[in-house]
Amino acid sequence: MASRIARTPVVQLQRHLSAQAAPALRNPSKPSGIETSVLPNGLTVASIDTSTSGTATLGIVVRAGSKYESYGNLGVSHLLRVGASLATKSHTSLSVVRNLQQAGAGLNCSQGREYMVYNTQATKDKLDQVVDFFVDAVTNPAFKPWELSDNKWRLSLDLAEQSDQSKATELLHKAAYRTGLGNSLYAPEYTLGKLKPAVVEEFYKKYYTTTSAILVGVGISHKKLLNYAEVVKLGPGAASDAPGKYFGGEARLDAGGRLANINIAYDTAGLSNPKEAVAFRLLQKILGGNAVIPYGNGSGVLSRAVAAKHGADSSAAVSALNYAYADTGLFGAFIVAEAPIAGKVLETTISTLRTLNITDAQVKAAKSALLLEVLETPLKPTRVLEDIGTSSLLRRGAPLSDQDKLDLVDQATSADVQAAAKRIAGSKLSMSAVGNLGHVPYLDSL
């Protein structure tokens, strides 16, 4: 079920041009008619031809997220994200942006720990005009020294705008994985302005290759997409992809203030095991996460446990977290609480996670919610594109269709979810905390 089983945290760059919104698909429950081809050079091409839409979405997904950074180039994927529309070897940055804008399109880049996702949307009659500039921006960057240097302020702005919740997420991954998946989505402050073109280009050539990328089209015929693939000029080869290794640990950042932001997580299954990944996604629904009603009161097991222990009016919020990657994942809870009660809320949350008793009724309700989520996916072409791209690269072949995803949810049982709950109860805990930590106990005392 790929990335839709659990949303991995990403950060995005969007050039605010006159990009046009895509109309909704008329029949989201219809199984996806995904066509895939692998070209002789190793590039995968995948498409869904949605004739009901007047727009088309084109994207390139590359297995080149922050996981693949080394100590010597930390932050390079962040720099590639903010520099997604810089000059190429054929066009200036102004030319790329202006020509996309004149076609009513834009260039968007999302960065995750495993993947970089580039996409553009345009009306179908303008797509031929958009392709050359979009593909050139992604596959033919120039990495001019002055342009990379000028982007220092944009990296600094991203760091300055990072919330305590985001910092806690980054620290959780660092504590759990150390390197690889533990690398932050954000460039370390000490690297700002110091990533030289040679370092960026070395990373790009190593990971931006035909066998590590996929060209995806939503609302585009497969024949036309194969024609577009001819202008994708990525190098050959495939870099090694070591599995993520979970260590477990603790990371804290005292930042003062009124609140404590705490993440706790256990080692879980990755997306390479779809059955188990679905079980953890259902468990997240049961515990409470990804609330449907913005700013609504928590209705999951964790929120009810905290309310019962500390009062419904306690200044605390808790929800389940679930980060799923190719071969590993993190499952646990995110807590925001007034500093004086943060430690007690943390203890209640851990106790609840370790003593879960999952019922058939809870699983049935969670399956209904997850099925609805799957059925809604086709309403958002960029989400469809990301799903196809990441699942194809993960599976090294054809992506999961909508029907495959629905079947995985339908076939999940209460025993599967109970097994997932039992797994986290016996797993080593990781923790991160940011804010006023005066009352937050250390991991070894929990």
Protein backbone atom coordinates (compact mmCIF):
# COMPACT_ATOMS: atom_id res chain seq x y z
CA MET A 1 0.00 0.00 0.00
CA ALA A 2 3.11 2.08 -0.23
CA SER A 3 3.29 5.59 1.11
CA ARG A 4 -0.44 5.89 1.76
CA ILE A 5 -0.24 3.27 4.50
CA ALA A 6 1.58 5.84 6.56
CA ARG A 7 2.48 9.30 5.48
CA THR A 8 6.17 9.91 5.81
CA PRO A 9 7.09 13.39 6.92
CA VAL A 10 8.09 15.63 4.02
CA VAL A 11 8.91 19.25 3.50
CA GLN A 12 8.01 21.06 0.32
CA LEU A 13 9.06 23.82 -1.99
CA GLN A 14 6.35 25.36 -4.14
CA ARG A 15 6.99 28.04 -6.72
CA HIS A 16 3.84 30.14 -6.43
CA LEU A 17 3.03 30.52 -10.08
CA SER A 18 -0.37 30.35 -11.75
CA ALA A 19 -0.67 26.58 -11.42
CA GLN A 20 -4.20 25.36 -12.07
CA ALA A 21 -6.03 22.99 -9.74
CA ALA A 22 -6.98 19.62 -11.14
CA PRO A 23 -10.67 18.64 -11.16
CA ALA A 24 -11.65 15.67 -9.04
CA LEU A 25 -11.85 12.24 -10.61
CA ARG A 26 -15.45 11.12 -11.00
CA ASN A 27 -15.08 7.57 -9.82
CA PRO A 28 -12.47 7.27 -7.07
CA SER A 29 -13.55 3.74 -6.19
CA LYS A 30 -12.67 2.39 -9.63
CA PRO A 31 -9.40 0.39 -9.63
CA SER A 32 -6.52 2.33 -11.09
CA GLY A 33 -5.59 1.49 -14.67
CA ILE A 34 -1.87 1.91 -14.12
CA GLU A 35 0.38 1.14 -17.06
CA THR A 36 4.11 0.65 -16.48
CA SER A 37 7.14 0.18 -18.70
CA VAL A 38 10.85 -0.16 -18.02
CA LEU A 39 13.01 1.41 -20.72
CA PRO A 40 16.29 -0.14 -21.89
CA ASN A 41 18.22 2.48 -19.89
CA GLY A 42 16.51 1.32 -16.68
CA LEU A 43 14.06 4.22 -16.28
CA THR A 44 10.58 3.19 -15.14
CA VAL A 45 7.59 4.94 -16.71
CA ALA A 46 4.13 4.70 -15.12
CA SER A 47 0.86 6.37 -16.08
CA ILE A 48 -2.85 6.63 -15.36
CA ASP A 49 -4.89 8.12 -18.19
CA THR A 50 -7.80 9.91 -16.47
CA SER A 51 -9.78 11.23 -19.41
CA THR A 52 -12.33 12.87 -17.07
CA SER A 53 -9.78 15.50 -16.05
CA GLY A 54 -8.87 18.52 -18.14
CA THR A 55 -5.46 18.76 -16.57
CA ALA A 56 -2.46 16.49 -16.39
CA THR A 57 0.10 15.96 -13.65
CA LEU A 58 3.65 15.00 -14.52
CA GLY A 59 6.28 13.99 -12.00
CA ILE A 60 9.68 12.48 -11.43
CA VAL A 61 10.30 10.55 -8.21
CA VAL A 62 13.91 9.82 -7.23
CA ARG A 63 15.28 7.61 -4.48
CA ALA A 64 17.54 10.37 -3.13
CA GLY A 65 16.21 11.69 0.19
CA SER A 66 18.17 12.70 3.25
CA LYS A 67 18.70 9.02 4.14
CA TYR A 68 21.42 8.89 1.50
CA GLU A 69 23.44 11.80 2.82
CA SER A 70 26.80 11.21 4.47
CA TYR A 71 28.40 13.21 7.25
CA GLY A 72 30.32 15.20 4.65
CA ASN A 73 27.27 16.39 2.70
CA LEU A 74 24.53 16.71 5.32
CA GLY A 75 21.82 19.05 4.08
CA VAL A 76 22.41 18.44 0.37
CA SER A 77 18.87 17.11 -0.22
CA HIS A 78 17.46 20.20 1.51
CA LEU A 79 19.55 22.37 -0.82
CA LEU A 80 18.33 20.41 -3.85
CA ARG A 81 14.75 20.96 -2.73
CA VAL A 82 14.98 24.73 -2.36
CA GLY A 83 17.04 24.89 -5.55
CA ALA A 84 14.61 22.83 -7.61
CA SER A 85 14.08 25.59 -10.18
CA LEU A 86 17.57 27.03 -10.41
CA ALA A 87 19.46 27.35 -13.68
CA THR A 88 20.05 24.31 -15.83
CA LYS A 89 22.79 23.71 -18.39
CA SER A 90 20.30 24.82 -21.05
CA HIS A 91 18.17 27.51 -19.40
CA THR A 92 18.46 30.24 -16.79
CA SER A 93 16.33 30.07 -13.66
CA LEU A 94 14.27 32.98 -14.99
CA SER A 95 13.66 31.12 -18.23
CA VAL A 96 12.51 27.95 -16.43
CA VAL A 97 10.12 29.80 -14.12
CA ARG A 98 8.77 32.21 -16.73
CA ASN A 99 8.07 29.56 -19.36
CA LEU A 100 6.30 27.32 -16.84
CA GLN A 101 4.31 30.31 -15.64
CA GLN A 102 3.27 31.31 -19.14
CA ALA A 103 1.84 27.81 -19.58
CA GLY A 104 -0.12 28.16 -16.33
CA ALA A 105 2.11 25.59 -14.60
CA GLY A 106 4.58 25.50 -11.73
CA LEU A 107 7.37 23.37 -10.34
CA ASN A 108 6.89 21.70 -6.95
CA CYS A 109 9.40 19.63 -5.01
CA SER A 110 8.69 17.53 -1.91
CA GLN A 111 11.53 16.08 0.12
CA GLY A 112 11.31 13.00 2.30
CA ARG A 113 13.85 10.80 4.00
CA GLU A 114 13.85 8.29 1.15
CA TYR A 115 12.51 10.14 -1.89
CA MET A 116 12.55 13.44 -3.73
CA VAL A 117 9.28 14.09 -5.57
CA TYR A 118 9.10 16.68 -8.37
CA ASN A 119 5.80 17.48 -10.05
CA THR A 120 4.06 19.96 -12.29
CA GLN A 121 0.42 20.39 -13.33
CA ALA A 122 -0.90 21.90 -16.53
CA THR A 123 -3.89 21.80 -18.83
CA LYS A 124 -3.47 19.03 -21.36
CA ASP A 125 -3.15 21.40 -24.31
CA LYS A 126 -0.15 23.08 -22.63
CA LEU A 127 1.62 19.92 -21.47
CA ASP A 128 3.98 19.66 -24.46
CA GLN A 129 5.12 23.21 -23.72
CA VAL A 130 5.71 22.41 -20.05
CA VAL A 131 7.59 19.11 -20.39
CA ASP A 132 10.88 20.40 -21.75
CA PHE A 133 11.36 22.99 -19.01
CA PHE A 134 10.15 20.75 -16.20
CA VAL A 135 12.31 17.78 -17.17
CA ASP A 136 15.30 20.03 -17.84
CA ALA A 137 15.01 21.57 -14.37
CA VAL A 138 15.00 18.14 -12.70
CA THR A 139 17.52 16.25 -14.83
CA ASN A 140 19.96 18.88 -16.10
CA PRO A 141 20.86 21.25 -13.21
CA ALA A 142 23.92 23.48 -13.56
CA PHE A 143 24.72 23.98 -9.83
CA LYS A 144 26.18 27.44 -10.39
CA PRO A 145 28.22 28.51 -7.33
CA TRP A 146 26.58 31.91 -6.95
CA GLU A 147 23.07 30.45 -7.14
CA LEU A 148 23.80 27.82 -4.50
CA SER A 149 25.34 30.48 -2.29
CA ASP A 150 22.35 32.79 -2.78
CA ASN A 151 20.06 30.06 -1.43
CA LYS A 152 21.66 30.25 2.01
CA TRP A 153 18.92 32.63 3.16
CA ARG A 154 16.19 30.21 2.06
CA LEU A 155 17.78 27.39 4.05
CA SER A 156 18.10 29.74 7.03
CA LEU A 157 14.43 30.72 6.70
CA ASP A 158 13.37 27.07 6.73
CA LEU A 159 15.34 26.51 9.92
CA ALA A 160 13.95 29.67 11.53
CA GLU A 161 10.37 28.67 10.71
CA GLN A 162 10.76 25.12 12.02
CA SER A 163 8.28 24.48 14.83
CA ASP A 164 9.07 22.68 18.07
CA GLN A 165 6.91 19.80 16.84
CA SER A 166 9.02 19.51 13.70
CA LYS A 167 12.22 19.67 15.73
CA ALA A 168 10.94 16.88 17.95
CA THR A 169 10.24 14.74 14.87
CA GLU A 170 13.75 15.27 13.53
CA LEU A 171 15.30 14.48 16.90
CA LEU A 172 13.20 11.32 17.21
CA HIS A 173 14.64 9.97 13.97
CA LYS A 174 18.14 10.90 15.07
CA ALA A 175 17.68 9.07 18.36
CA ALA A 176 16.13 6.02 16.69
CA TYR A 177 18.40 5.58 13.66
CA ARG A 178 21.49 7.78 14.27
CA THR A 179 22.48 7.94 10.59
CA GLY A 180 20.64 7.17 7.35
CA LEU A 181 16.98 7.61 8.26
CA GLY A 182 18.28 9.56 11.24
CA ASN A 183 19.53 12.34 8.95
CA SER A 184 17.39 15.45 9.23
CA LEU A 185 15.25 16.83 6.42
CA TYR A 186 16.84 20.18 7.24
CA ALA A 187 20.42 21.25 6.59
CA PRO A 188 22.47 21.71 9.79
CA GLU A 189 23.13 25.36 10.49
CA TYR A 190 26.89 24.90 10.28
CA THR A 191 26.60 23.77 6.63
CA LEU A 192 24.69 26.81 5.38
CA GLY A 193 26.57 28.38 2.50
CA LYS A 194 29.30 25.73 2.71
CA LEU A 195 27.95 23.02 0.43
CA LYS A 196 30.09 23.53 -2.67
CA PRO A 197 28.89 22.76 -6.22
CA ALA A 198 31.25 19.79 -6.46
CA VAL A 199 29.71 18.21 -3.34
CA VAL A 200 26.15 18.77 -4.59
CA GLU A 201 26.97 17.47 -8.06
CA GLU A 202 28.66 14.36 -6.66
CA PHE A 203 25.53 13.50 -4.66
CA TYR A 204 23.31 14.24 -7.65
CA LYS A 205 25.27 12.02 -10.05
CA LYS A 206 25.37 9.16 -7.55
CA TYR A 207 21.66 9.05 -6.73
CA TYR A 208 19.83 10.74 -9.61
CA THR A 209 20.10 7.81 -12.02
CA THR A 210 17.68 6.07 -14.36
CA THR A 211 17.41 2.99 -12.14
CA SER A 212 16.68 5.12 -9.07
CA ALA A 213 14.00 7.24 -10.70
CA ILE A 214 10.53 6.91 -12.18
CA LEU A 215 8.62 9.17 -14.57
CA VAL A 216 4.93 9.31 -13.61
CA GLY A 217 1.97 10.79 -15.44
CA VAL A 218 -1.58 11.23 -14.12
CA GLY A 219 -4.07 12.15 -16.82
CA ILE A 220 -1.51 11.34 -19.53
CA SER A 221 -1.66 8.45 -21.99
CA HIS A 222 1.11 5.90 -21.64
CA LYS A 223 2.15 6.39 -25.25
CA LYS A 224 2.61 10.12 -24.75
CA LEU A 225 4.48 9.58 -21.49
CA LEU A 226 6.90 7.22 -23.24
CA ASN A 227 7.60 10.01 -25.71
CA TYR A 228 8.27 12.40 -22.84
CA ALA A 229 10.67 9.86 -21.33
CA GLU A 230 13.00 10.43 -24.26
CA VAL A 231 13.98 13.84 -22.86
CA VAL A 232 14.79 12.47 -19.38
CA LYS A 233 18.58 12.44 -19.42
CA LEU A 234 19.69 10.87 -16.15
CA GLY A 235 22.92 8.95 -15.78
CA PRO A 236 23.20 5.16 -15.50
CA GLY A 237 23.92 3.09 -12.42
CA ALA A 238 22.36 2.40 -9.05
CA ALA A 239 23.82 3.40 -5.71
CA SER A 240 23.76 0.92 -2.83
CA ASP A 241 20.73 1.13 -0.56
CA ALA A 242 21.54 -0.13 2.93
CA PRO A 243 18.49 -1.02 5.07
CA GLY A 244 17.61 1.31 7.90
CA LYS A 245 18.94 0.09 11.24
CA TYR A 246 17.04 0.86 14.43
CA PHE A 247 19.12 1.56 17.54
CA GLY A 248 16.80 3.37 19.95
CA GLY A 249 17.83 6.24 22.16
CA GLU A 250 16.98 9.69 23.41
CA ALA A 251 17.47 13.26 22.17
CA ARG A 252 16.46 16.41 24.03
CA LEU A 253 16.49 20.11 23.24
CA ASP A 254 15.77 22.55 26.06
CA ALA A 255 14.08 25.56 24.52
CA GLY A 256 12.10 26.99 27.43
CA GLY A 257 8.57 28.28 26.97
CA ARG A 258 5.29 27.01 28.35
CA LEU A 259 5.01 23.66 26.59
CA ALA A 260 6.87 20.38 26.24
CA ASN A 261 6.77 18.55 22.90
CA ILE A 262 7.54 14.87 23.29
CA ASN A 263 7.78 12.05 20.74
CA ILE A 264 8.02 8.40 21.73
CA ALA A 265 8.31 5.55 19.26
CA TYR A 266 9.04 1.86 18.85
CA ASP A 267 10.64 -0.05 15.98
CA THR A 268 8.02 -1.46 13.59
CA ALA A 269 7.56 -3.04 10.16
CA GLY A 270 8.38 -1.25 6.95
CA LEU A 271 6.41 -0.90 3.74
CA SER A 272 8.16 -3.95 2.27
CA ASN A 273 5.76 -5.93 4.51
CA PRO A 274 2.39 -4.49 3.38
CA LYS A 275 0.28 -6.72 5.62
CA GLU A 276 2.06 -5.65 8.79
CA ALA A 277 2.25 -2.03 7.65
CA VAL A 278 -1.54 -1.97 7.21
CA ALA A 279 -1.94 -3.40 10.71
CA PHE A 280 0.08 -0.53 12.16
CA ARG A 281 -1.91 1.98 10.12
CA LEU A 282 -5.13 0.57 11.57
CA LEU A 283 -3.61 0.68 15.05
CA GLN A 284 -2.84 4.35 14.50
CA LYS A 285 -6.48 4.99 13.61
CA ILE A 286 -7.58 3.24 16.80
CA LEU A 287 -5.18 5.12 19.05
CA GLY A 288 -6.00 8.44 17.41
CA GLY A 289 -4.04 10.18 14.69
CA ASN A 290 -4.58 12.30 11.58
CA ALA A 291 -7.78 13.81 12.95
CA VAL A 292 -10.52 14.33 10.36
CA ILE A 293 -11.91 17.40 12.15
CA PRO A 294 -9.32 20.20 12.45
CA TYR A 295 -8.87 21.43 16.02
CA GLY A 296 -11.37 18.85 17.24
CA ASN A 297 -10.99 17.06 20.55
CA GLY A 298 -9.07 13.79 20.40
CA SER A 299 -11.31 10.74 20.22
CA GLY A 300 -8.74 7.95 20.09
CA VAL A 301 -7.66 5.55 22.81
CA LEU A 302 -4.65 7.69 23.81
CA SER A 303 -6.66 10.90 24.21
CA ARG A 304 -9.30 9.12 26.28
CA ALA A 305 -6.65 7.54 28.50
CA VAL A 306 -5.01 10.92 29.17
CA ALA A 307 -8.39 12.57 29.82
CA ALA A 308 -9.40 9.79 32.24
CA LYS A 309 -6.14 10.06 34.17
CA HIS A 310 -5.56 13.81 34.17
CA GLY A 311 -8.98 15.28 33.51
CA ALA A 312 -10.75 16.20 30.29
CA ASP A 313 -9.67 19.82 30.71
CA SER A 314 -5.98 19.03 31.21
CA SER A 315 -3.62 21.12 29.09
CA ALA A 316 -2.34 18.20 27.05
CA ALA A 317 -2.89 16.66 23.63
CA VAL A 318 -1.71 13.26 22.47
CA SER A 319 -2.00 11.41 19.16
CA ALA A 320 -0.49 8.34 17.59
CA LEU A 321 2.41 8.68 15.15
CA ASN A 322 3.33 6.23 12.43
CA TYR A 323 6.31 6.74 10.11
CA ALA A 324 6.72 3.89 7.62
CA TYR A 325 9.80 3.52 5.42
CA ALA A 326 10.92 0.84 2.99
CA ASP A 327 12.23 -1.70 5.50
CA THR A 328 11.53 -0.23 8.92
CA GLY A 329 9.26 2.21 10.69
CA LEU A 330 8.46 4.08 13.89
CA PHE A 331 5.20 3.80 15.78
CA GLY A 332 4.32 5.63 18.96
CA ALA A 333 2.81 8.89 20.16
CA PHE A 334 3.29 12.62 20.00
CA ILE A 335 2.54 14.65 23.11
CA VAL A 336 2.14 18.38 23.63
CA ALA A 337 1.54 19.36 27.24
CA GLU A 338 1.94 22.15 29.74
CA ALA A 339 5.38 21.72 31.25
CA PRO A 340 4.26 20.86 34.86
CA ILE A 341 2.16 17.85 33.75
CA ALA A 342 4.25 16.72 30.77
CA GLY A 343 6.04 13.95 32.66
CA LYS A 344 2.82 12.48 34.04
CA VAL A 345 1.13 12.56 30.62
CA LEU A 346 4.18 10.83 29.15
CA GLU A 347 4.00 8.03 31.72
CA THR A 348 0.27 7.57 31.09
CA THR A 349 0.85 7.38 27.34
CA ILE A 350 3.61 4.78 27.62
CA SER A 351 1.54 2.71 30.02
CA THR A 352 -1.40 2.80 27.58
CA LEU A 353 0.77 1.72 24.66
CA ARG A 354 2.18 -1.20 26.62
CA THR A 355 -1.21 -2.50 27.79
CA LEU A 356 -3.38 -2.18 24.69
CA ASN A 357 -6.45 -4.37 24.40
CA ILE A 358 -7.75 -4.14 20.83
CA THR A 359 -11.37 -5.10 20.15
CA ASP A 360 -13.07 -6.26 16.95
CA ALA A 361 -15.31 -3.19 17.01
CA GLN A 362 -12.29 -0.88 17.08
CA VAL A 363 -10.68 -2.68 14.17
CA LYS A 364 -13.90 -2.55 12.14
CA ALA A 365 -14.20 1.21 12.65
CA ALA A 366 -10.52 1.73 11.81
CA LYS A 367 -10.87 -0.29 8.59
CA SER A 368 -13.83 1.84 7.50
CA ALA A 369 -11.81 5.02 8.08
CA LEU A 370 -8.77 3.68 6.23
CA LEU A 371 -10.88 2.43 3.30
CA LEU A 372 -12.36 5.91 2.96
CA GLU A 373 -8.85 7.36 2.95
CA VAL A 374 -7.80 5.02 0.15
CA LEU A 375 -10.91 5.83 -1.88
CA GLU A 376 -10.25 9.56 -1.53
CA THR A 377 -6.69 9.31 -2.83
CA PRO A 378 -7.62 9.64 -6.55
CA LEU A 379 -9.19 13.02 -5.78
CA LYS A 380 -5.68 14.44 -5.44
CA PRO A 381 -3.53 13.81 -8.54
CA THR A 382 -0.29 14.82 -6.81
CA ARG A 383 -0.95 12.23 -4.11
CA VAL A 384 -1.66 9.60 -6.77
CA LEU A 385 1.62 10.51 -8.47
CA GLU A 386 3.59 10.20 -5.24
CA ASP A 387 1.93 6.87 -4.43
CA ILE A 388 2.75 5.40 -7.81
CA GLY A 389 6.30 6.67 -7.77
CA THR A 390 7.28 5.59 -4.29
CA SER A 391 5.56 2.21 -4.42
CA SER A 392 7.11 1.42 -7.81
CA LEU A 393 10.60 2.19 -6.56
CA LEU A 394 9.93 0.23 -3.37
CA ARG A 395 8.62 -2.83 -5.19
CA ARG A 396 11.12 -2.53 -8.06
CA GLY A 397 8.24 -2.97 -10.46
CA ALA A 398 4.52 -2.39 -10.84
CA PRO A 399 2.93 -0.24 -8.11
CA LEU A 400 -0.04 -1.32 -6.03
CA SER A 401 -3.35 -0.49 -7.66
CA ASP A 402 -6.28 1.03 -5.77
CA GLN A 403 -7.89 -2.40 -5.67
CA ASP A 404 -4.72 -3.93 -4.21
CA LYS A 405 -4.83 -1.34 -1.43
CA LEU A 406 -8.52 -1.94 -0.74
CA ASP A 407 -7.90 -5.70 -0.60
CA LEU A 408 -5.05 -5.26 1.89
CA VAL A 409 -7.33 -3.28 4.20
CA ASP A 410 -10.25 -5.69 3.76
CA GLN A 411 -8.07 -8.70 4.54
CA ALA A 412 -6.61 -7.24 7.73
CA THR A 413 -7.89 -8.95 10.86
CA SER A 414 -8.16 -8.13 14.54
CA ALA A 415 -5.39 -10.67 15.14
CA ASP A 416 -3.08 -8.69 12.82
CA VAL A 417 -3.69 -5.47 14.73
CA GLN A 418 -3.32 -7.21 18.08
CA ALA A 419 0.01 -8.64 16.91
CA ALA A 420 1.14 -5.12 15.98
CA ALA A 421 0.17 -3.87 19.44
CA LYS A 422 2.05 -6.77 21.03
CA ARG A 423 5.14 -6.01 18.97
CA ILE A 424 5.45 -2.44 20.21
CA ALA A 425 4.89 -3.56 23.80
CA GLY A 426 8.10 -5.59 23.59
CA SER A 427 10.15 -3.16 21.49
CA LYS A 428 12.92 -0.81 22.59
CA LEU A 429 11.70 2.74 23.09
CA SER A 430 13.06 5.92 21.51
CA MET A 431 12.22 9.41 22.73
CA SER A 432 12.72 13.03 21.75
CA ALA A 433 11.67 16.14 23.63
CA VAL A 434 11.77 19.86 22.80
CA GLY A 435 10.65 22.86 24.85
CA ASN A 436 10.34 23.24 28.63
CA LEU A 437 11.70 19.90 29.82
CA GLY A 438 11.93 20.60 33.54
CA HIS A 439 9.34 17.93 34.32
CA VAL A 440 10.08 15.48 31.49
CA PRO A 441 11.83 12.34 32.81
CA TYR A 442 14.78 10.83 31.00
CA LEU A 443 14.30 7.69 28.96
CA ASP A 444 16.25 5.43 31.31
CA SER A 445 13.92 6.32 34.18
CA LEU A 446 10.71 5.34 32.36
